[in-house]
């Protein structure tokens, strides 16, 4: 599935600051201890950015796989009722 998203040419360079509200200290502490310190050398900013990129990549993969499976199922269903397979573009 390809995305048709318009992106401003300067958007790739645009940096934003984030503020998190109502995050339990215990959650932040555990995240830092179990994820940030061992895998990101204590850099919570790098950890959050990397994990966001990974989550988006996984979501794209899952959506493309689901689309592929649904498309294949539609073709098989069409063939099973004696019709011509749907054309995929």
PDB file of N, CA and C in Angstrom:
ATOM      1  N   UNK A   1       0.848  -1.171   0.000  1.00  0.00           N
ATOM      2  CA  UNK A   1       0.000   0.000   0.000  1.00  0.00           C
ATOM      3  C   UNK A   1       0.891   1.230   0.000  1.00  0.00           C
ATOM      4  N   UNK A   2       0.747   2.043  -1.006  1.00  0.00           N
ATOM      5  CA  UNK A   2       1.560   3.240  -1.090  1.00  0.00           C
ATOM      6  C   UNK A   2       0.779   4.415  -0.534  1.00  0.00           C
ATOM      7  N   UNK A   3       1.479   5.260   0.163  1.00  0.00           N
ATOM      8  CA  UNK A   3       0.848   6.426   0.758  1.00  0.00           C
ATOM      9  C   UNK A   3       0.967   7.602  -0.183  1.00  0.00           C
ATOM     10  N   UNK A   4      -0.102   8.332  -0.323  1.00  0.00           N
ATOM     11  CA  UNK A   4      -0.095   9.558  -1.103  1.00  0.00           C
ATOM     12  C   UNK A   4      -0.177  10.722  -0.128  1.00  0.00           C
ATOM     13  N   UNK A   5       0.923  11.004   0.513  1.00  0.00           N
ATOM     14  CA  UNK A   5       0.967  12.048   1.514  1.00  0.00           C
ATOM     15  C   UNK A   5       1.794  13.208   0.996  1.00  0.00           C
ATOM     16  N   UNK A   6       1.208  14.387   1.031  1.00  0.00           N
ATOM     17  CA  UNK A   6       1.948  15.579   0.627  1.00  0.00           C
ATOM     18  C   UNK A   6       2.834  16.015   1.788  1.00  0.00           C
ATOM     19  N   UNK A   7       4.087  16.223   1.505  1.00  0.00           N
ATOM     20  CA  UNK A   7       5.041  16.626   2.532  1.00  0.00           C
ATOM     21  C   UNK A   7       5.690  17.930   2.095  1.00  0.00           C
ATOM     22  N   UNK A   8       5.685  18.890   2.993  1.00  0.00           N
ATOM     23  CA  UNK A   8       6.374  20.135   2.693  1.00  0.00           C
ATOM     24  C   UNK A   8       7.859  19.861   2.588  1.00  0.00           C
ATOM     25  N   UNK A   9       8.529  20.563   1.721  1.00  0.00           N
ATOM     26  CA  UNK A   9       9.957  20.306   1.530  1.00  0.00           C
ATOM     27  C   UNK A   9      10.755  20.572   2.796  1.00  0.00           C
ATOM     28  N   UNK A  10      10.277  21.471   3.637  1.00  0.00           N
ATOM     29  CA  UNK A  10      11.010  21.776   4.874  1.00  0.00           C
ATOM     30  C   UNK A  10      10.565  20.905   6.044  1.00  0.00           C
ATOM     31  N   UNK A  11       9.506  20.110   5.863  1.00  0.00           N
ATOM     32  CA  UNK A  11       8.986  19.313   6.965  1.00  0.00           C
ATOM     33  C   UNK A  11       9.997  18.280   7.457  1.00  0.00           C
ATOM     34  N   UNK A  12      10.813  17.746   6.563  1.00  0.00           N
ATOM     35  CA  UNK A  12      11.803  16.755   6.969  1.00  0.00           C
ATOM     36  C   UNK A  12      12.829  17.339   7.928  1.00  0.00           C
ATOM     37  N   UNK A  13      13.064  18.629   7.844  1.00  0.00           N
ATOM     38  CA  UNK A  13      14.052  19.287   8.694  1.00  0.00           C
ATOM     39  C   UNK A  13      13.426  19.922   9.935  1.00  0.00           C
ATOM     40  N   UNK A  14      12.120  19.905  10.020  1.00  0.00           N
ATOM     41  CA  UNK A  14      11.424  20.537  11.126  1.00  0.00           C
ATOM     42  C   UNK A  14      11.551  19.676  12.383  1.00  0.00           C
ATOM     43  N   UNK A  15      12.098  20.239  13.417  1.00  0.00           N
ATOM     44  CA  UNK A  15      12.235  19.536  14.693  1.00  0.00           C
ATOM     45  C   UNK A  15      11.226  20.095  15.676  1.00  0.00           C
ATOM     46  N   UNK A  16      10.629  19.239  16.465  1.00  0.00           N
ATOM     47  CA  UNK A  16       9.645  19.671  17.449  1.00  0.00           C
ATOM     48  C   UNK A  16      10.065  19.188  18.828  1.00  0.00           C
ATOM     49  N   UNK A  17       9.611  19.877  19.834  1.00  0.00           N
ATOM     50  CA  UNK A  17       9.824  19.457  21.218  1.00  0.00           C
ATOM     51  C   UNK A  17       8.533  18.824  21.717  1.00  0.00           C
ATOM     52  N   UNK A  18       8.661  17.745  22.450  1.00  0.00           N
ATOM     53  CA  UNK A  18       7.503  17.050  22.990  1.00  0.00           C
ATOM     54  C   UNK A  18       7.489  17.150  24.510  1.00  0.00           C
ATOM     55  N   UNK A  19       6.303  17.267  25.050  1.00  0.00           N
ATOM     56  CA  UNK A  19       6.126  17.237  26.497  1.00  0.00           C
ATOM     57  C   UNK A  19       5.120  16.143  26.809  1.00  0.00           C
ATOM     58  N   UNK A  20       5.451  15.282  27.709  1.00  0.00           N
ATOM     59  CA  UNK A  20       4.548  14.220  28.121  1.00  0.00           C
ATOM     60  C   UNK A  20       3.937  14.598  29.464  1.00  0.00           C
ATOM     61  N   UNK A  21       2.644  14.419  29.579  1.00  0.00           N
ATOM     62  CA  UNK A  21       1.943  14.738  30.819  1.00  0.00           C
ATOM     63  C   UNK A  21       1.430  13.455  31.460  1.00  0.00           C
ATOM     64  N   UNK A  22       1.417  13.445  32.761  1.00  0.00           N
ATOM     65  CA  UNK A  22       0.823  12.355  33.546  1.00  0.00           C
ATOM     66  C   UNK A  22       1.435  10.986  33.264  1.00  0.00           C
ATOM     67  N   UNK A  23       2.712  10.949  33.045  1.00  0.00           N
ATOM     68  CA  UNK A  23       3.422   9.682  32.881  1.00  0.00           C
ATOM     69  C   UNK A  23       3.923   9.276  34.264  1.00  0.00           C
ATOM     70  N   UNK A  24       3.556   8.101  34.726  1.00  0.00           N
ATOM     71  CA  UNK A  24       4.015   7.677  36.052  1.00  0.00           C
ATOM     72  C   UNK A  24       5.543   7.602  36.111  1.00  0.00           C
ATOM     73  N   UNK A  25       6.093   8.089  37.183  1.00  0.00           N
ATOM     74  CA  UNK A  25       7.548   8.067  37.359  1.00  0.00           C
ATOM     75  C   UNK A  25       8.071   6.637  37.305  1.00  0.00           C
ATOM     76  N   UNK A  26       7.292   5.702  37.825  1.00  0.00           N
ATOM     77  CA  UNK A  26       7.724   4.303  37.817  1.00  0.00           C
ATOM     78  C   UNK A  26       7.844   3.769  36.387  1.00  0.00           C
ATOM     79  N   UNK A  27       6.941   4.191  35.510  1.00  0.00           N
ATOM     80  CA  UNK A  27       7.007   3.756  34.110  1.00  0.00           C
ATOM     81  C   UNK A  27       8.236   4.327  33.432  1.00  0.00           C
ATOM     82  N   UNK A  28       8.497   5.605  33.635  1.00  0.00           N
ATOM     83  CA  UNK A  28       9.671   6.242  33.050  1.00  0.00           C
ATOM     84  C   UNK A  28      10.956   5.628  33.586  1.00  0.00           C
ATOM     85  N   UNK A  29      10.976   5.365  34.869  1.00  0.00           N
ATOM     86  CA  UNK A  29      12.152   4.767  35.497  1.00  0.00           C
ATOM     87  C   UNK A  29      12.414   3.366  34.961  1.00  0.00           C
ATOM     88  N   UNK A  30      11.372   2.572  34.841  1.00  0.00           N
ATOM     89  CA  UNK A  30      11.525   1.212  34.323  1.00  0.00           C
ATOM     90  C   UNK A  30      11.945   1.230  32.846  1.00  0.00           C
ATOM     91  N   UNK A  31      11.364   2.144  32.073  1.00  0.00           N
ATOM     92  CA  UNK A  31      11.735   2.293  30.665  1.00  0.00           C
ATOM     93  C   UNK A  31      13.216   2.656  30.547  1.00  0.00           C
ATOM     94  N   UNK A  32      13.648   3.594  31.360  1.00  0.00           N
ATOM     95  CA  UNK A  32      15.055   4.006  31.337  1.00  0.00           C
ATOM     96  C   UNK A  32      15.969   2.855  31.739  1.00  0.00           C
ATOM     97  N   UNK A  33      15.579   2.126  32.758  1.00  0.00           N
ATOM     98  CA  UNK A  33      16.408   1.035  33.275  1.00  0.00           C
ATOM     99  C   UNK A  33      16.497  -0.142  32.300  1.00  0.00           C
ATOM    100  N   UNK A  34      15.343  -0.535  31.734  1.00  0.00           N
ATOM    101  CA  UNK A  34      15.305  -1.756  30.925  1.00  0.00           C
ATOM    102  C   UNK A  34      15.536  -1.537  29.433  1.00  0.00           C
ATOM    103  N   UNK A  35      15.295  -0.340  28.935  1.00  0.00           N
ATOM    104  CA  UNK A  35      15.408  -0.084  27.499  1.00  0.00           C
ATOM    105  C   UNK A  35      16.485   0.954  27.186  1.00  0.00           C
ATOM    106  N   UNK A  36      16.366   2.126  27.780  1.00  0.00           N
ATOM    107  CA  UNK A  36      17.228   3.252  27.407  1.00  0.00           C
ATOM    108  C   UNK A  36      18.684   3.008  27.784  1.00  0.00           C
ATOM    109  N   UNK A  37      18.927   2.618  29.014  1.00  0.00           N
ATOM    110  CA  UNK A  37      20.313   2.447  29.466  1.00  0.00           C
ATOM    111  C   UNK A  37      21.050   1.345  28.706  1.00  0.00           C
ATOM    112  N   UNK A  38      20.491   0.137  28.592  1.00  0.00           N
ATOM    113  CA  UNK A  38      21.261  -0.916  27.919  1.00  0.00           C
ATOM    114  C   UNK A  38      21.335  -0.798  26.397  1.00  0.00           C
ATOM    115  N   UNK A  39      20.299  -0.253  25.764  1.00  0.00           N
ATOM    116  CA  UNK A  39      20.264  -0.264  24.303  1.00  0.00           C
ATOM    117  C   UNK A  39      20.550   1.078  23.643  1.00  0.00           C
ATOM    118  N   UNK A  40      20.429   2.163  24.392  1.00  0.00           N
ATOM    119  CA  UNK A  40      20.598   3.495  23.816  1.00  0.00           C
ATOM    120  C   UNK A  40      21.597   4.342  24.606  1.00  0.00           C
ATOM    121  N   UNK A  41      22.439   3.717  25.345  1.00  0.00           N
ATOM    122  CA  UNK A  41      23.493   4.397  26.120  1.00  0.00           C
ATOM    123  C   UNK A  41      22.937   5.537  26.960  1.00  0.00           C
ATOM    124  N   UNK A  42      21.740   5.362  27.478  1.00  0.00           N
ATOM    125  CA  UNK A  42      21.145   6.363  28.354  1.00  0.00           C
ATOM    126  C   UNK A  42      20.487   7.523  27.634  1.00  0.00           C
ATOM    127  N   UNK A  43      20.447   7.519  26.314  1.00  0.00           N
ATOM    128  CA  UNK A  43      19.884   8.621  25.539  1.00  0.00           C
ATOM    129  C   UNK A  43      18.395   8.377  25.291  1.00  0.00           C
ATOM    130  N   UNK A  44      17.557   8.936  26.151  1.00  0.00           N
ATOM    131  CA  UNK A  44      16.110   8.707  26.044  1.00  0.00           C
ATOM    132  C   UNK A  44      15.540   9.289  24.751  1.00  0.00           C
ATOM    133  N   UNK A  45      16.102  10.401  24.288  1.00  0.00           N
ATOM    134  CA  UNK A  45      15.657  11.004  23.031  1.00  0.00           C
ATOM    135  C   UNK A  45      15.874  10.036  21.866  1.00  0.00           C
ATOM    136  N   UNK A  46      17.038   9.452  21.790  1.00  0.00           N
ATOM    137  CA  UNK A  46      17.337   8.481  20.722  1.00  0.00           C
ATOM    138  C   UNK A  46      16.427   7.262  20.841  1.00  0.00           C
ATOM    139  N   UNK A  47      16.170   6.826  22.059  1.00  0.00           N
ATOM    140  CA  UNK A  47      15.318   5.660  22.276  1.00  0.00           C
ATOM    141  C   UNK A  47      13.904   5.911  21.763  1.00  0.00           C
ATOM    142  N   UNK A  48      13.343   7.055  22.122  1.00  0.00           N
ATOM    143  CA  UNK A  48      11.972   7.365  21.709  1.00  0.00           C
ATOM    144  C   UNK A  48      11.895   7.502  20.194  1.00  0.00           C
ATOM    145  N   UNK A  49      12.841   8.193  19.587  1.00  0.00           N
ATOM    146  CA  UNK A  49      12.821   8.352  18.133  1.00  0.00           C
ATOM    147  C   UNK A  49      12.951   7.004  17.420  1.00  0.00           C
ATOM    148  N   UNK A  50      13.883   6.180  17.881  1.00  0.00           N
ATOM    149  CA  UNK A  50      14.103   4.882  17.256  1.00  0.00           C
ATOM    150  C   UNK A  50      12.871   3.993  17.401  1.00  0.00           C
ATOM    151  N   UNK A  51      12.272   3.986  18.569  1.00  0.00           N
ATOM    152  CA  UNK A  51      11.097   3.147  18.793  1.00  0.00           C
ATOM    153  C   UNK A  51       9.891   3.644  17.992  1.00  0.00           C
ATOM    154  N   UNK A  52       9.794   4.949  17.794  1.00  0.00           N
ATOM    155  CA  UNK A  52       8.724   5.479  16.945  1.00  0.00           C
ATOM    156  C   UNK A  52       8.919   5.037  15.496  1.00  0.00           C
ATOM    157  N   UNK A  53      10.158   5.121  15.003  1.00  0.00           N
ATOM    158  CA  UNK A  53      10.452   4.666  13.641  1.00  0.00           C
ATOM    159  C   UNK A  53      10.150   3.174  13.483  1.00  0.00           C
ATOM    160  N   UNK A  54      10.539   2.378  14.470  1.00  0.00           N
ATOM    161  CA  UNK A  54      10.288   0.937  14.400  1.00  0.00           C
ATOM    162  C   UNK A  54       8.797   0.628  14.411  1.00  0.00           C
ATOM    163  N   UNK A  55       8.027   1.333  15.237  1.00  0.00           N
ATOM    164  CA  UNK A  55       6.585   1.117  15.301  1.00  0.00           C
ATOM    165  C   UNK A  55       5.933   1.451  13.962  1.00  0.00           C
ATOM    166  N   UNK A  56       6.357   2.548  13.334  1.00  0.00           N
ATOM    167  CA  UNK A  56       5.810   2.921  12.034  1.00  0.00           C
ATOM    168  C   UNK A  56       6.181   1.909  10.952  1.00  0.00           C
ATOM    169  N   UNK A  57       7.400   1.421  10.971  1.00  0.00           N
ATOM    170  CA  UNK A  57       7.830   0.412   9.998  1.00  0.00           C
ATOM    171  C   UNK A  57       7.032  -0.876  10.150  1.00  0.00           C
ATOM    172  N   UNK A  58       6.831  -1.295  11.385  1.00  0.00           N
ATOM    173  CA  UNK A  58       6.059  -2.513  11.635  1.00  0.00           C
ATOM    174  C   UNK A  58       4.616  -2.336  11.182  1.00  0.00           C
ATOM    175  N   UNK A  59       4.046  -1.172  11.435  1.00  0.00           N
ATOM    176  CA  UNK A  59       2.672  -0.908  11.019  1.00  0.00           C
ATOM    177  C   UNK A  59       2.558  -0.945   9.502  1.00  0.00           C
ATOM    178  N   UNK A  60       3.505  -0.333   8.801  1.00  0.00           N
ATOM    179  CA  UNK A  60       3.501  -0.359   7.336  1.00  0.00           C
ATOM    180  C   UNK A  60       3.605  -1.790   6.816  1.00  0.00           C
ATOM    181  N   UNK A  61       4.473  -2.588   7.435  1.00  0.00           N
ATOM    182  CA  UNK A  61       4.636  -3.984   7.023  1.00  0.00           C
ATOM    183  C   UNK A  61       3.337  -4.757   7.238  1.00  0.00           C
ATOM    184  N   UNK A  62       2.727  -4.588   8.402  1.00  0.00           N
ATOM    185  CA  UNK A  62       1.483  -5.308   8.709  1.00  0.00           C
ATOM    186  C   UNK A  62       0.379  -4.915   7.743  1.00  0.00           C
ATOM    187  N   UNK A  63       0.230  -3.616   7.497  1.00  0.00           N
ATOM    188  CA  UNK A  63      -0.818  -3.171   6.579  1.00  0.00           C
ATOM    189  C   UNK A  63      -0.580  -3.687   5.163  1.00  0.00           C
ATOM    190  N   UNK A  64       0.661  -3.687   4.714  1.00  0.00           N
ATOM    191  CA  UNK A  64       0.931  -4.187   3.366  1.00  0.00           C
ATOM    192  C   UNK A  64       0.682  -5.688   3.291  1.00  0.00           C
ATOM    193  N   UNK A  65       0.995  -6.410   4.352  1.00  0.00           N
ATOM    194  CA  UNK A  65       0.759  -7.858   4.375  1.00  0.00           C
ATOM    195  C   UNK A  65      -0.739  -8.153   4.386  1.00  0.00           C
ATOM    196  N   UNK A  66      -1.497  -7.419   5.182  1.00  0.00           N
ATOM    197  CA  UNK A  66      -2.947  -7.625   5.243  1.00  0.00           C
ATOM    198  C   UNK A  66      -3.570  -7.323   3.893  1.00  0.00           C
ATOM    199  N   UNK A  67      -3.144  -6.249   3.254  1.00  0.00           N
ATOM    200  CA  UNK A  67      -3.658  -5.899   1.932  1.00  0.00           C
ATOM    201  C   UNK A  67      -3.347  -7.000   0.932  1.00  0.00           C
ATOM    202  N   UNK A  68      -2.124  -7.533   0.975  1.00  0.00           N
ATOM    203  CA  UNK A  68      -1.735  -8.619   0.073  1.00  0.00           C
ATOM    204  C   UNK A  68      -2.606  -9.847   0.313  1.00  0.00           C
ATOM    205  N   UNK A  69      -2.834 -10.208   1.565  1.00  0.00           N
ATOM    206  CA  UNK A  69      -3.637 -11.386   1.893  1.00  0.00           C
ATOM    207  C   UNK A  69      -5.081 -11.177   1.446  1.00  0.00           C
ATOM    208  N   UNK A  70      -5.641  -9.984   1.692  1.00  0.00           N
ATOM    209  CA  UNK A  70      -7.018  -9.711   1.277  1.00  0.00           C
ATOM    210  C   UNK A  70      -7.150  -9.746  -0.244  1.00  0.00           C
ATOM    211  N   UNK A  71      -6.182  -9.182  -0.948  1.00  0.00           N
ATOM    212  CA  UNK A  71      -6.214  -9.173  -2.402  1.00  0.00           C
ATOM    213  C   UNK A  71      -6.155 -10.600  -2.940  1.00  0.00           C
ATOM    214  N   UNK A  72      -5.264 -11.401  -2.391  1.00  0.00           N
ATOM    215  CA  UNK A  72      -5.123 -12.801  -2.814  1.00  0.00           C
ATOM    216  C   UNK A  72      -6.415 -13.565  -2.527  1.00  0.00           C
ATOM    217  N   UNK A  73      -7.033 -13.323  -1.368  1.00  0.00           N
ATOM    218  CA  UNK A  73      -8.282 -14.001  -1.021  1.00  0.00           C
ATOM    219  C   UNK A  73      -9.394 -13.608  -1.980  1.00  0.00           C
ATOM    220  N   UNK A  74      -9.450 -12.349  -2.378  1.00  0.00           N
ATOM    221  CA  UNK A  74     -10.471 -11.901  -3.324  1.00  0.00           C
ATOM    222  C   UNK A  74     -10.278 -12.568  -4.679  1.00  0.00           C
ATOM    223  N   UNK A  75      -9.044 -12.695  -5.130  1.00  0.00           N
ATOM    224  CA  UNK A  75      -8.753 -13.355  -6.407  1.00  0.00           C
ATOM    225  C   UNK A  75      -9.162 -14.823  -6.332  1.00  0.00           C
ATOM    226  N   UNK A  76      -8.812 -15.495  -5.267  1.00  0.00           N
ATOM    227  CA  UNK A  76      -9.168 -16.912  -5.122  1.00  0.00           C
ATOM    228  C   UNK A  76     -10.681 -17.099  -5.055  1.00  0.00           C
ATOM    229  N   UNK A  77     -11.350 -16.199  -4.360  1.00  0.00           N
ATOM    230  CA  UNK A  77     -12.805 -16.297  -4.266  1.00  0.00           C
ATOM    231  C   UNK A  77     -13.442 -16.088  -5.637  1.00  0.00           C
ATOM    232  N   UNK A  78     -12.973 -15.128  -6.382  1.00  0.00           N
ATOM    233  CA  UNK A  78     -13.496 -14.858  -7.725  1.00  0.00           C
ATOM    234  C   UNK A  78     -13.278 -16.067  -8.630  1.00  0.00           C
ATOM    235  N   UNK A  79     -12.101 -16.683  -8.553  1.00  0.00           N
ATOM    236  CA  UNK A  79     -11.802 -17.854  -9.379  1.00  0.00           C
ATOM    237  C   UNK A  79     -12.680 -19.031  -8.981  1.00  0.00           C
ATOM    238  N   UNK A  80     -13.001 -19.177  -7.677  1.00  0.00           N
ATOM    239  CA  UNK A  80     -13.771 -20.325  -7.215  1.00  0.00           C
ATOM    240  C   UNK A  80     -15.232 -20.263  -7.658  1.00  0.00           C
ATOM    241  N   UNK A  81     -15.735 -19.069  -7.970  1.00  0.00           N
ATOM    242  CA  UNK A  81     -17.104 -18.961  -8.456  1.00  0.00           C
ATOM    243  C   UNK A  81     -17.174 -18.968  -9.981  1.00  0.00           C
ATOM    244  N   UNK A  82     -16.045 -19.257 -10.626  1.00  0.00           N
ATOM    245  CA  UNK A  82     -16.028 -19.432 -12.064  1.00  0.00           C
ATOM    246  C   UNK A  82     -15.785 -18.161 -12.851  1.00  0.00           C
ATOM    247  N   UNK A  83     -15.558 -17.087 -12.189  1.00  0.00           N
ATOM    248  CA  UNK A  83     -15.308 -15.846 -12.903  1.00  0.00           C
ATOM    249  C   UNK A  83     -13.833 -15.687 -13.198  1.00  0.00           C
ATOM    250  N   UNK A  84     -13.537 -14.639 -13.920  1.00  0.00           N
ATOM    251  CA  UNK A  84     -12.140 -14.339 -14.194  1.00  0.00           C
ATOM    252  C   UNK A  84     -11.537 -13.690 -12.962  1.00  0.00           C
ATOM    253  N   UNK A  85     -10.283 -13.928 -12.731  1.00  0.00           N
ATOM    254  CA  UNK A  85      -9.634 -13.280 -11.598  1.00  0.00           C
ATOM    255  C   UNK A  85      -9.637 -11.764 -11.757  1.00  0.00           C
ATOM    256  N   UNK A  86      -9.774 -11.093 -10.654  1.00  0.00           N
ATOM    257  CA  UNK A  86      -9.756  -9.631 -10.682  1.00  0.00           C
ATOM    258  C   UNK A  86      -8.373  -9.153 -11.104  1.00  0.00           C
ATOM    259  N   UNK A  87      -8.337  -8.114 -11.888  1.00  0.00           N
ATOM    260  CA  UNK A  87      -7.040  -7.569 -12.315  1.00  0.00           C
ATOM    261  C   UNK A  87      -6.467  -6.710 -11.216  1.00  0.00           C
ATOM    262  N   UNK A  88      -5.217  -6.951 -10.940  1.00  0.00           N
ATOM    263  CA  UNK A  88      -4.531  -6.181  -9.924  1.00  0.00           C
ATOM    264  C   UNK A  88      -3.708  -5.102 -10.595  1.00  0.00           C
ATOM    265  N   UNK A  89      -3.845  -3.897 -10.106  1.00  0.00           N
ATOM    266  CA  UNK A  89      -3.059  -2.814 -10.697  1.00  0.00           C
ATOM    267  C   UNK A  89      -1.968  -2.390  -9.784  1.00  0.00           C
TER     268      UNK A  89
END
